[in-house]
PDB file of all heavy atoms in Angstrom:
ATOM      1  N   GLY A   1     185.343 -22.699  -1.317  1.00  0.00           N
ATOM      2  CA  GLY A   1     185.481 -24.064  -0.761  1.00  0.00           C
ATOM      3  C   GLY A   1     184.327 -24.963  -0.985  1.00  0.00           C
ATOM      4  O   GLY A   1     184.434 -26.150  -0.706  1.00  0.00           O
ATOM      5  N   ALA A   2     183.215 -24.410  -1.428  1.00  0.00           N
ATOM      6  CA  ALA A   2     182.057 -25.231  -1.711  1.00  0.00           C
ATOM      7  C   ALA A   2     182.214 -26.009  -2.971  1.00  0.00           C
ATOM      8  O   ALA A   2     183.075 -25.614  -3.814  1.00  0.00           O
ATOM      9  CB  ALA A   2     180.812 -24.354  -1.764  1.00  0.00           C
ATOM     10  N   PRO A   3     181.447 -27.089  -3.159  1.00  0.00           N
ATOM     11  CA  PRO A   3     181.504 -27.824  -4.402  1.00  0.00           C
ATOM     12  C   PRO A   3     181.341 -26.935  -5.594  1.00  0.00           C
ATOM     13  O   PRO A   3     180.458 -26.028  -5.615  1.00  0.00           O
ATOM     14  CB  PRO A   3     180.368 -28.835  -4.321  1.00  0.00           C
ATOM     15  CG  PRO A   3     180.145 -28.994  -2.876  1.00  0.00           C
ATOM     16  CD  PRO A   3     180.412 -27.700  -2.220  1.00  0.00           C
ATOM     17  N   ASP A   4     182.236 -26.962  -6.612  1.00  0.00           N
ATOM     18  CA  ASP A   4     182.216 -26.011  -7.704  1.00  0.00           C
ATOM     19  C   ASP A   4     181.279 -26.544  -8.773  1.00  0.00           C
ATOM     20  O   ASP A   4     181.536 -27.518  -9.454  1.00  0.00           O
ATOM     21  CB  ASP A   4     183.647 -25.897  -8.271  1.00  0.00           C
ATOM     22  CG  ASP A   4     183.917 -24.612  -8.954  1.00  0.00           C
ATOM     23  OD1 ASP A   4     182.990 -23.752  -8.899  1.00  0.00           O
ATOM     24  OD2 ASP A   4     184.941 -24.470  -9.544  1.00  0.00           O
ATOM     25  N   VAL A   5     180.142 -25.861  -8.955  1.00  0.00           N
ATOM     26  CA  VAL A   5     179.116 -26.341  -9.884  1.00  0.00           C
ATOM     27  C   VAL A   5     179.359 -25.811 -11.184  1.00  0.00           C
ATOM     28  O   VAL A   5     179.525 -24.617 -11.393  1.00  0.00           O
ATOM     29  CB  VAL A   5     177.650 -25.943  -9.367  1.00  0.00           C
ATOM     30  CG1 VAL A   5     176.635 -26.403 -10.312  1.00  0.00           C
ATOM     31  CG2 VAL A   5     177.411 -26.485  -7.958  1.00  0.00           C
ATOM     32  N   GLU A   6     179.392 -26.635 -12.253  1.00  0.00           N
ATOM     33  CA  GLU A   6     179.567 -26.245 -13.639  1.00  0.00           C
ATOM     34  C   GLU A   6     178.534 -26.819 -14.471  1.00  0.00           C
ATOM     35  O   GLU A   6     177.908 -27.870 -14.206  1.00  0.00           O
ATOM     36  CB  GLU A   6     180.939 -26.690 -14.141  1.00  0.00           C
ATOM     37  CG  GLU A   6     182.176 -26.064 -13.465  1.00  0.00           C
ATOM     38  CD  GLU A   6     183.453 -26.385 -14.125  1.00  0.00           C
ATOM     39  OE1 GLU A   6     183.467 -27.325 -14.925  1.00  0.00           O
ATOM     40  OE2 GLU A   6     184.445 -25.707 -13.821  1.00  0.00           O
ATOM     41  N   VAL A   7     178.248 -26.094 -15.577  1.00  0.00           N
ATOM     42  CA  VAL A   7     177.251 -26.591 -16.525  1.00  0.00           C
ATOM     43  C   VAL A   7     177.811 -27.827 -17.261  1.00  0.00           C
ATOM     44  O   VAL A   7     179.044 -27.833 -17.631  1.00  0.00           O
ATOM     45  CB  VAL A   7     176.982 -25.494 -17.598  1.00  0.00           C
ATOM     46  CG1 VAL A   7     175.960 -26.027 -18.656  1.00  0.00           C
ATOM     47  CG2 VAL A   7     176.429 -24.225 -16.936  1.00  0.00           C
ATOM     48  N   ALA A   8     177.047 -28.860 -17.416  1.00  0.00           N
ATOM     49  CA  ALA A   8     177.511 -30.037 -18.060  1.00  0.00           C
ATOM     50  C   ALA A   8     177.768 -29.796 -19.562  1.00  0.00           C
ATOM     51  O   ALA A   8     177.188 -28.964 -20.196  1.00  0.00           O
ATOM     52  CB  ALA A   8     176.341 -31.147 -17.991  1.00  0.00           C
ATOM     53  N   GLU A   9     178.826 -30.520 -20.075  1.00  0.00           N
ATOM     54  CA  GLU A   9     179.224 -30.258 -21.445  1.00  0.00           C
ATOM     55  C   GLU A   9     178.100 -30.524 -22.452  1.00  0.00           C
ATOM     56  O   GLU A   9     178.074 -29.915 -23.461  1.00  0.00           O
ATOM     57  CB  GLU A   9     180.445 -31.187 -21.777  1.00  0.00           C
ATOM     58  CG  GLU A   9     181.737 -30.772 -20.967  1.00  0.00           C
ATOM     59  CD  GLU A   9     182.873 -31.644 -21.274  1.00  0.00           C
ATOM     60  OE1 GLU A   9     182.715 -32.569 -22.152  1.00  0.00           O
ATOM     61  OE2 GLU A   9     183.941 -31.447 -20.672  1.00  0.00           O
ATOM     62  N   ASP A  10     177.240 -31.461 -22.136  1.00  0.00           N
ATOM     63  CA  ASP A  10     176.142 -31.814 -23.024  1.00  0.00           C
ATOM     64  C   ASP A  10     174.820 -31.092 -22.765  1.00  0.00           C
ATOM     65  O   ASP A  10     173.753 -31.424 -23.205  1.00  0.00           O
ATOM     66  CB  ASP A  10     175.847 -33.283 -23.066  1.00  0.00           C
ATOM     67  CG  ASP A  10     175.453 -33.827 -21.719  1.00  0.00           C
ATOM     68  OD1 ASP A  10     175.546 -33.076 -20.689  1.00  0.00           O
ATOM     69  OD2 ASP A  10     175.057 -34.954 -21.605  1.00  0.00           O
ATOM     70  N   CYS A  11     174.945 -30.037 -21.951  1.00  0.00           N
ATOM     71  CA  CYS A  11     173.720 -29.310 -21.559  1.00  0.00           C
ATOM     72  C   CYS A  11     173.144 -28.599 -22.797  1.00  0.00           C
ATOM     73  O   CYS A  11     173.841 -27.919 -23.572  1.00  0.00           O
ATOM     74  CB  CYS A  11     174.028 -28.197 -20.531  1.00  0.00           C
ATOM     75  SG  CYS A  11     172.657 -27.503 -19.695  1.00  0.00           S
ATOM     76  N   ASP A  12     171.828 -28.748 -23.023  1.00  0.00           N
ATOM     77  CA  ASP A  12     171.141 -28.304 -24.240  1.00  0.00           C
ATOM     78  C   ASP A  12     170.039 -27.401 -23.802  1.00  0.00           C
ATOM     79  O   ASP A  12     168.944 -27.869 -23.314  1.00  0.00           O
ATOM     80  CB  ASP A  12     170.644 -29.428 -25.037  1.00  0.00           C
ATOM     81  CG  ASP A  12     169.934 -29.009 -26.315  1.00  0.00           C
ATOM     82  OD1 ASP A  12     169.883 -27.792 -26.577  1.00  0.00           O
ATOM     83  OD2 ASP A  12     169.301 -29.873 -26.945  1.00  0.00           O
ATOM     84  N   PRO A  13     170.051 -26.040 -23.980  1.00  0.00           N
ATOM     85  CA  PRO A  13     169.006 -25.196 -23.660  1.00  0.00           C
ATOM     86  C   PRO A  13     167.700 -25.512 -24.364  1.00  0.00           C
ATOM     87  O   PRO A  13     166.613 -25.084 -23.872  1.00  0.00           O
ATOM     88  CB  PRO A  13     169.505 -23.775 -24.072  1.00  0.00           C
ATOM     89  CG  PRO A  13     170.992 -23.917 -24.109  1.00  0.00           C
ATOM     90  CD  PRO A  13     171.234 -25.332 -24.540  1.00  0.00           C
ATOM     91  N   GLY A  14     167.808 -26.204 -25.449  1.00  0.00           N
ATOM     92  CA  GLY A  14     166.553 -26.573 -26.268  1.00  0.00           C
ATOM     93  C   GLY A  14     165.803 -27.712 -25.656  1.00  0.00           C
ATOM     94  O   GLY A  14     164.759 -28.097 -26.194  1.00  0.00           O
ATOM     95  N   GLU A  15     166.269 -28.342 -24.592  1.00  0.00           N
ATOM     96  CA  GLU A  15     165.549 -29.554 -24.026  1.00  0.00           C
ATOM     97  C   GLU A  15     164.311 -29.064 -23.267  1.00  0.00           C
ATOM     98  O   GLU A  15     163.471 -29.971 -23.014  1.00  0.00           O
ATOM     99  CB  GLU A  15     166.512 -30.297 -23.104  1.00  0.00           C
ATOM    100  CG  GLU A  15     167.634 -30.959 -23.781  1.00  0.00           C
ATOM    101  CD  GLU A  15     168.496 -31.827 -22.862  1.00  0.00           C
ATOM    102  OE1 GLU A  15     168.024 -31.982 -21.677  1.00  0.00           O
ATOM    103  OE2 GLU A  15     169.535 -32.247 -23.241  1.00  0.00           O
ATOM    104  N   PHE A  16     164.197 -27.870 -22.869  1.00  0.00           N
ATOM    105  CA  PHE A  16     162.960 -27.433 -22.118  1.00  0.00           C
ATOM    106  C   PHE A  16     161.848 -27.242 -23.089  1.00  0.00           C
ATOM    107  O   PHE A  16     161.971 -26.799 -24.210  1.00  0.00           O
ATOM    108  CB  PHE A  16     163.335 -26.169 -21.310  1.00  0.00           C
ATOM    109  CG  PHE A  16     164.289 -26.374 -20.312  1.00  0.00           C
ATOM    110  CD1 PHE A  16     165.628 -25.908 -20.384  1.00  0.00           C
ATOM    111  CD2 PHE A  16     164.020 -27.034 -19.063  1.00  0.00           C
ATOM    112  CE1 PHE A  16     166.591 -26.129 -19.464  1.00  0.00           C
ATOM    113  CE2 PHE A  16     164.985 -27.180 -18.049  1.00  0.00           C
ATOM    114  CZ  PHE A  16     166.250 -26.750 -18.261  1.00  0.00           C
ATOM    115  N   GLU A  17     160.642 -27.426 -22.571  1.00  0.00           N
ATOM    116  CA  GLU A  17     159.455 -27.304 -23.330  1.00  0.00           C
ATOM    117  C   GLU A  17     159.233 -25.854 -23.811  1.00  0.00           C
ATOM    118  O   GLU A  17     159.420 -24.881 -23.080  1.00  0.00           O
ATOM    119  CB  GLU A  17     158.218 -27.641 -22.518  1.00  0.00           C
ATOM    120  CG  GLU A  17     156.919 -27.666 -23.239  1.00  0.00           C
ATOM    121  CD  GLU A  17     155.722 -28.147 -22.493  1.00  0.00           C
ATOM    122  OE1 GLU A  17     155.971 -28.696 -21.370  1.00  0.00           O
ATOM    123  OE2 GLU A  17     154.607 -27.973 -22.863  1.00  0.00           O
ATOM    124  N   ASP A  18     158.896 -25.717 -25.079  1.00  0.00           N
ATOM    125  CA  ASP A  18     158.740 -24.408 -25.707  1.00  0.00           C
ATOM    126  C   ASP A  18     157.660 -23.615 -24.874  1.00  0.00           C
ATOM    127  O   ASP A  18     156.614 -24.134 -24.507  1.00  0.00           O
ATOM    128  CB  ASP A  18     158.250 -24.484 -27.119  1.00  0.00           C
ATOM    129  CG  ASP A  18     159.348 -24.992 -28.080  1.00  0.00           C
ATOM    130  OD1 ASP A  18     160.567 -24.907 -27.672  1.00  0.00           O
ATOM    131  OD2 ASP A  18     159.044 -25.330 -29.168  1.00  0.00           O
ATOM    132  N   GLY A  19     157.965 -22.311 -24.590  1.00  0.00           N
ATOM    133  CA  GLY A  19     157.074 -21.516 -23.914  1.00  0.00           C
ATOM    134  C   GLY A  19     157.243 -21.538 -22.376  1.00  0.00           C
ATOM    135  O   GLY A  19     156.591 -20.736 -21.683  1.00  0.00           O
ATOM    136  N   SER A  20     157.931 -22.550 -21.873  1.00  0.00           N
ATOM    137  CA  SER A  20     158.133 -22.639 -20.425  1.00  0.00           C
ATOM    138  C   SER A  20     159.094 -21.611 -19.974  1.00  0.00           C
ATOM    139  O   SER A  20     159.927 -21.040 -20.804  1.00  0.00           O
ATOM    140  CB  SER A  20     158.681 -24.029 -20.029  1.00  0.00           C
ATOM    141  OG  SER A  20     159.970 -24.166 -20.455  1.00  0.00           O
ATOM    142  N   ARG A  21     158.997 -21.154 -18.704  1.00  0.00           N
ATOM    143  CA  ARG A  21     159.976 -20.160 -18.201  1.00  0.00           C
ATOM    144  C   ARG A  21     161.362 -20.681 -18.254  1.00  0.00           C
ATOM    145  O   ARG A  21     162.299 -19.933 -18.493  1.00  0.00           O
ATOM    146  CB  ARG A  21     159.515 -19.747 -16.760  1.00  0.00           C
ATOM    147  CG  ARG A  21     160.415 -18.677 -16.179  1.00  0.00           C
ATOM    148  CD  ARG A  21     160.368 -17.433 -17.089  1.00  0.00           C
ATOM    149  NE  ARG A  21     161.145 -16.298 -16.543  1.00  0.00           N
ATOM    150  CZ  ARG A  21     161.616 -15.322 -17.245  1.00  0.00           C
ATOM    151  NH1 ARG A  21     161.359 -15.278 -18.541  1.00  0.00           N
ATOM    152  NH2 ARG A  21     162.298 -14.283 -16.668  1.00  0.00           N
ATOM    153  N   MET A  22     161.551 -21.996 -17.979  1.00  0.00           N
ATOM    154  CA  MET A  22     162.844 -22.552 -18.035  1.00  0.00           C
ATOM    155  C   MET A  22     163.472 -22.408 -19.433  1.00  0.00           C
ATOM    156  O   MET A  22     164.652 -22.029 -19.588  1.00  0.00           O
ATOM    157  CB  MET A  22     162.845 -24.052 -17.686  1.00  0.00           C
ATOM    158  CG  MET A  22     162.423 -24.339 -16.226  1.00  0.00           C
ATOM    159  SD  MET A  22     160.599 -24.281 -16.084  1.00  0.00           S
ATOM    160  CE  MET A  22     160.210 -25.879 -16.830  1.00  0.00           C
ATOM    161  N   ALA A  23     162.676 -22.609 -20.511  1.00  0.00           N
ATOM    162  CA  ALA A  23     163.166 -22.442 -21.875  1.00  0.00           C
ATOM    163  C   ALA A  23     163.519 -21.057 -22.145  1.00  0.00           C
ATOM    164  O   ALA A  23     164.578 -20.705 -22.772  1.00  0.00           O
ATOM    165  CB  ALA A  23     162.074 -22.898 -22.884  1.00  0.00           C
ATOM    166  N   GLU A  24     162.695 -20.071 -21.631  1.00  0.00           N
ATOM    167  CA  GLU A  24     163.002 -18.666 -21.851  1.00  0.00           C
ATOM    168  C   GLU A  24     164.335 -18.255 -21.168  1.00  0.00           C
ATOM    169  O   GLU A  24     165.189 -17.511 -21.756  1.00  0.00           O
ATOM    170  CB  GLU A  24     161.835 -17.791 -21.271  1.00  0.00           C
ATOM    171  CG  GLU A  24     160.573 -17.976 -22.070  1.00  0.00           C
ATOM    172  CD  GLU A  24     159.390 -17.318 -21.356  1.00  0.00           C
ATOM    173  OE1 GLU A  24     159.598 -16.698 -20.297  1.00  0.00           O
ATOM    174  OE2 GLU A  24     158.283 -17.314 -21.930  1.00  0.00           O
ATOM    175  N   LEU A  25     164.533 -18.732 -19.963  1.00  0.00           N
ATOM    176  CA  LEU A  25     165.713 -18.410 -19.277  1.00  0.00           C
ATOM    177  C   LEU A  25     166.933 -19.021 -19.875  1.00  0.00           C
ATOM    178  O   LEU A  25     167.993 -18.396 -20.056  1.00  0.00           O
ATOM    179  CB  LEU A  25     165.596 -18.788 -17.799  1.00  0.00           C
ATOM    180  CG  LEU A  25     164.599 -18.101 -16.947  1.00  0.00           C
ATOM    181  CD1 LEU A  25     164.353 -18.762 -15.596  1.00  0.00           C
ATOM    182  CD2 LEU A  25     165.022 -16.665 -16.640  1.00  0.00           C
ATOM    183  N   ALA A  26     166.854 -20.294 -20.260  1.00  0.00           N
ATOM    184  CA  ALA A  26     167.910 -21.019 -20.867  1.00  0.00           C
ATOM    185  C   ALA A  26     168.369 -20.360 -22.156  1.00  0.00           C
ATOM    186  O   ALA A  26     169.558 -20.207 -22.500  1.00  0.00           O
ATOM    187  CB  ALA A  26     167.580 -22.469 -21.079  1.00  0.00           C
ATOM    188  N   GLU A  27     167.372 -19.970 -22.977  1.00  0.00           N
ATOM    189  CA  GLU A  27     167.672 -19.255 -24.249  1.00  0.00           C
ATOM    190  C   GLU A  27     168.292 -17.963 -24.030  1.00  0.00           C
ATOM    191  O   GLU A  27     169.257 -17.564 -24.719  1.00  0.00           O
ATOM    192  CB  GLU A  27     166.334 -19.133 -25.076  1.00  0.00           C
ATOM    193  CG  GLU A  27     166.584 -18.566 -26.434  1.00  0.00           C
ATOM    194  CD  GLU A  27     165.287 -18.485 -27.235  1.00  0.00           C
ATOM    195  OE1 GLU A  27     164.282 -18.919 -26.807  1.00  0.00           O
ATOM    196  OE2 GLU A  27     165.368 -17.877 -28.346  1.00  0.00           O
ATOM    197  N   ALA A  28     167.795 -17.211 -23.098  1.00  0.00           N
ATOM    198  CA  ALA A  28     168.405 -15.910 -22.785  1.00  0.00           C
ATOM    199  C   ALA A  28     169.787 -15.993 -22.199  1.00  0.00           C
ATOM    200  O   ALA A  28     170.601 -15.034 -22.353  1.00  0.00           O
ATOM    201  CB  ALA A  28     167.431 -15.093 -21.904  1.00  0.00           C
ATOM    202  N   GLY A  29     169.989 -17.062 -21.430  1.00  0.00           N
ATOM    203  CA  GLY A  29     171.304 -17.205 -20.838  1.00  0.00           C
ATOM    204  C   GLY A  29     171.519 -16.297 -19.627  1.00  0.00           C
ATOM    205  O   GLY A  29     172.595 -16.045 -19.249  1.00  0.00           O
ATOM    206  N   GLU A  30     170.442 -15.859 -19.113  1.00  0.00           N
ATOM    207  CA  GLU A  30     170.494 -14.856 -17.934  1.00  0.00           C
ATOM    208  C   GLU A  30     169.372 -15.213 -16.923  1.00  0.00           C
ATOM    209  O   GLU A  30     168.282 -15.723 -17.364  1.00  0.00           O
ATOM    210  CB  GLU A  30     170.307 -13.440 -18.407  1.00  0.00           C
ATOM    211  CG  GLU A  30     171.422 -12.954 -19.279  1.00  0.00           C
ATOM    212  CD  GLU A  30     171.214 -11.576 -19.724  1.00  0.00           C
ATOM    213  OE1 GLU A  30     170.082 -10.987 -19.527  1.00  0.00           O
ATOM    214  OE2 GLU A  30     172.171 -10.949 -20.294  1.00  0.00           O
ATOM    215  N   ILE A  31     169.647 -14.945 -15.627  1.00  0.00           N
ATOM    216  CA  ILE A  31     168.622 -15.239 -14.646  1.00  0.00           C
ATOM    217  C   ILE A  31     168.861 -14.340 -13.441  1.00  0.00           C
ATOM    218  O   ILE A  31     170.006 -13.960 -13.103  1.00  0.00           O
ATOM    219  CB  ILE A  31     168.630 -16.738 -14.232  1.00  0.00           C
ATOM    220  CG1 ILE A  31     167.440 -16.975 -13.283  1.00  0.00           C
ATOM    221  CG2 ILE A  31     169.973 -17.087 -13.585  1.00  0.00           C
ATOM    222  CD1 ILE A  31     167.275 -18.553 -12.952  1.00  0.00           C
ATOM    223  N   ASN A  32     167.769 -13.934 -12.728  1.00  0.00           N
ATOM    224  CA  ASN A  32     167.902 -13.165 -11.487  1.00  0.00           C
ATOM    225  C   ASN A  32     167.431 -14.059 -10.360  1.00  0.00           C
ATOM    226  O   ASN A  32     166.317 -14.653 -10.427  1.00  0.00           O
ATOM    227  CB  ASN A  32     166.977 -11.963 -11.568  1.00  0.00           C
ATOM    228  CG  ASN A  32     167.361 -10.980 -12.629  1.00  0.00           C
ATOM    229  OD1 ASN A  32     168.539 -10.598 -12.767  1.00  0.00           O
ATOM    230  ND2 ASN A  32     166.438 -10.617 -13.489  1.00  0.00           N
ATOM    231  N   VAL A  33     168.294 -14.173  -9.340  1.00  0.00           N
ATOM    232  CA  VAL A  33     167.974 -15.079  -8.165  1.00  0.00           C
ATOM    233  C   VAL A  33     168.107 -14.287  -6.926  1.00  0.00           C
ATOM    234  O   VAL A  33     169.105 -13.627  -6.696  1.00  0.00           O
ATOM    235  CB  VAL A  33     169.001 -16.229  -8.121  1.00  0.00           C
ATOM    236  CG1 VAL A  33     168.648 -17.158  -7.000  1.00  0.00           C
ATOM    237  CG2 VAL A  33     169.015 -16.965  -9.452  1.00  0.00           C
ATOM    238  N   GLY A  34     167.036 -14.350  -6.133  1.00  0.00           N
ATOM    239  CA  GLY A  34     167.024 -13.599  -4.797  1.00  0.00           C
ATOM    240  C   GLY A  34     167.629 -14.467  -3.683  1.00  0.00           C
ATOM    241  O   GLY A  34     167.180 -15.590  -3.489  1.00  0.00           O
ATOM    242  N   VAL A  35     168.643 -13.991  -3.089  1.00  0.00           N
ATOM    243  CA  VAL A  35     169.318 -14.651  -1.932  1.00  0.00           C
ATOM    244  C   VAL A  35     169.585 -13.669  -0.848  1.00  0.00           C
ATOM    245  O   VAL A  35     169.558 -12.469  -1.014  1.00  0.00           O
ATOM    246  CB  VAL A  35     170.605 -15.413  -2.421  1.00  0.00           C
ATOM    247  CG1 VAL A  35     170.340 -16.469  -3.418  1.00  0.00           C
ATOM    248  CG2 VAL A  35     171.613 -14.349  -2.914  1.00  0.00           C
ATOM    249  N   ARG A  36     169.885 -14.189   0.353  1.00  0.00           N
ATOM    250  CA  ARG A  36     170.280 -13.361   1.514  1.00  0.00           C
ATOM    251  C   ARG A  36     171.789 -12.995   1.384  1.00  0.00           C
ATOM    252  O   ARG A  36     172.568 -13.798   0.909  1.00  0.00           O
ATOM    253  CB  ARG A  36     170.007 -14.095   2.785  1.00  0.00           C
ATOM    254  CG  ARG A  36     168.623 -14.507   3.076  1.00  0.00           C
ATOM    255  CD  ARG A  36     167.646 -13.354   3.116  1.00  0.00           C
ATOM    256  NE  ARG A  36     167.878 -12.465   4.174  1.00  0.00           N
ATOM    257  CZ  ARG A  36     167.022 -12.295   5.216  1.00  0.00           C
ATOM    258  NH1 ARG A  36     165.892 -12.888   5.263  1.00  0.00           N
ATOM    259  NH2 ARG A  36     167.295 -11.472   6.226  1.00  0.00           N
ATOM    260  N   PHE A  37     172.128 -11.826   1.917  1.00  0.00           N
ATOM    261  CA  PHE A  37     173.476 -11.389   1.962  1.00  0.00           C
ATOM    262  C   PHE A  37     173.970 -11.332   3.386  1.00  0.00           C
ATOM    263  O   PHE A  37     175.143 -10.956   3.622  1.00  0.00           O
ATOM    264  CB  PHE A  37     173.659 -10.013   1.300  1.00  0.00           C
ATOM    265  CG  PHE A  37     173.728  -9.988  -0.182  1.00  0.00           C
ATOM    266  CD1 PHE A  37     173.314 -11.108  -0.906  1.00  0.00           C
ATOM    267  CD2 PHE A  37     174.122  -8.880  -0.833  1.00  0.00           C
ATOM    268  CE1 PHE A  37     173.350 -11.046  -2.300  1.00  0.00           C
ATOM    269  CE2 PHE A  37     174.180  -8.826  -2.263  1.00  0.00           C
ATOM    270  CZ  PHE A  37     173.767  -9.930  -2.983  1.00  0.00           C
ATOM    271  N   ASP A  38     173.096 -11.612   4.379  1.00  0.00           N
ATOM    272  CA  ASP A  38     173.428 -11.336   5.816  1.00  0.00           C
ATOM    273  C   ASP A  38     173.321 -12.535   6.679  1.00  0.00           C
ATOM    274  O   ASP A  38     173.244 -12.369   7.904  1.00  0.00           O
ATOM    275  CB  ASP A  38     172.558 -10.191   6.300  1.00  0.00           C
ATOM    276  CG  ASP A  38     171.056 -10.582   6.456  1.00  0.00           C
ATOM    277  OD1 ASP A  38     170.648 -11.472   5.645  1.00  0.00           O
ATOM    278  OD2 ASP A  38     170.398  -9.977   7.345  1.00  0.00           O
TER     279      ASP A  38
END
């Protein structure tokens, strides 16, 4: 029921600065996120 977040059609993983963690994650297409379950 929450707002359904989708990647924008024009999203470009190459827009992040080379060597930044954001660029690494975007290029890999994977990420680990710590959240609560309780």
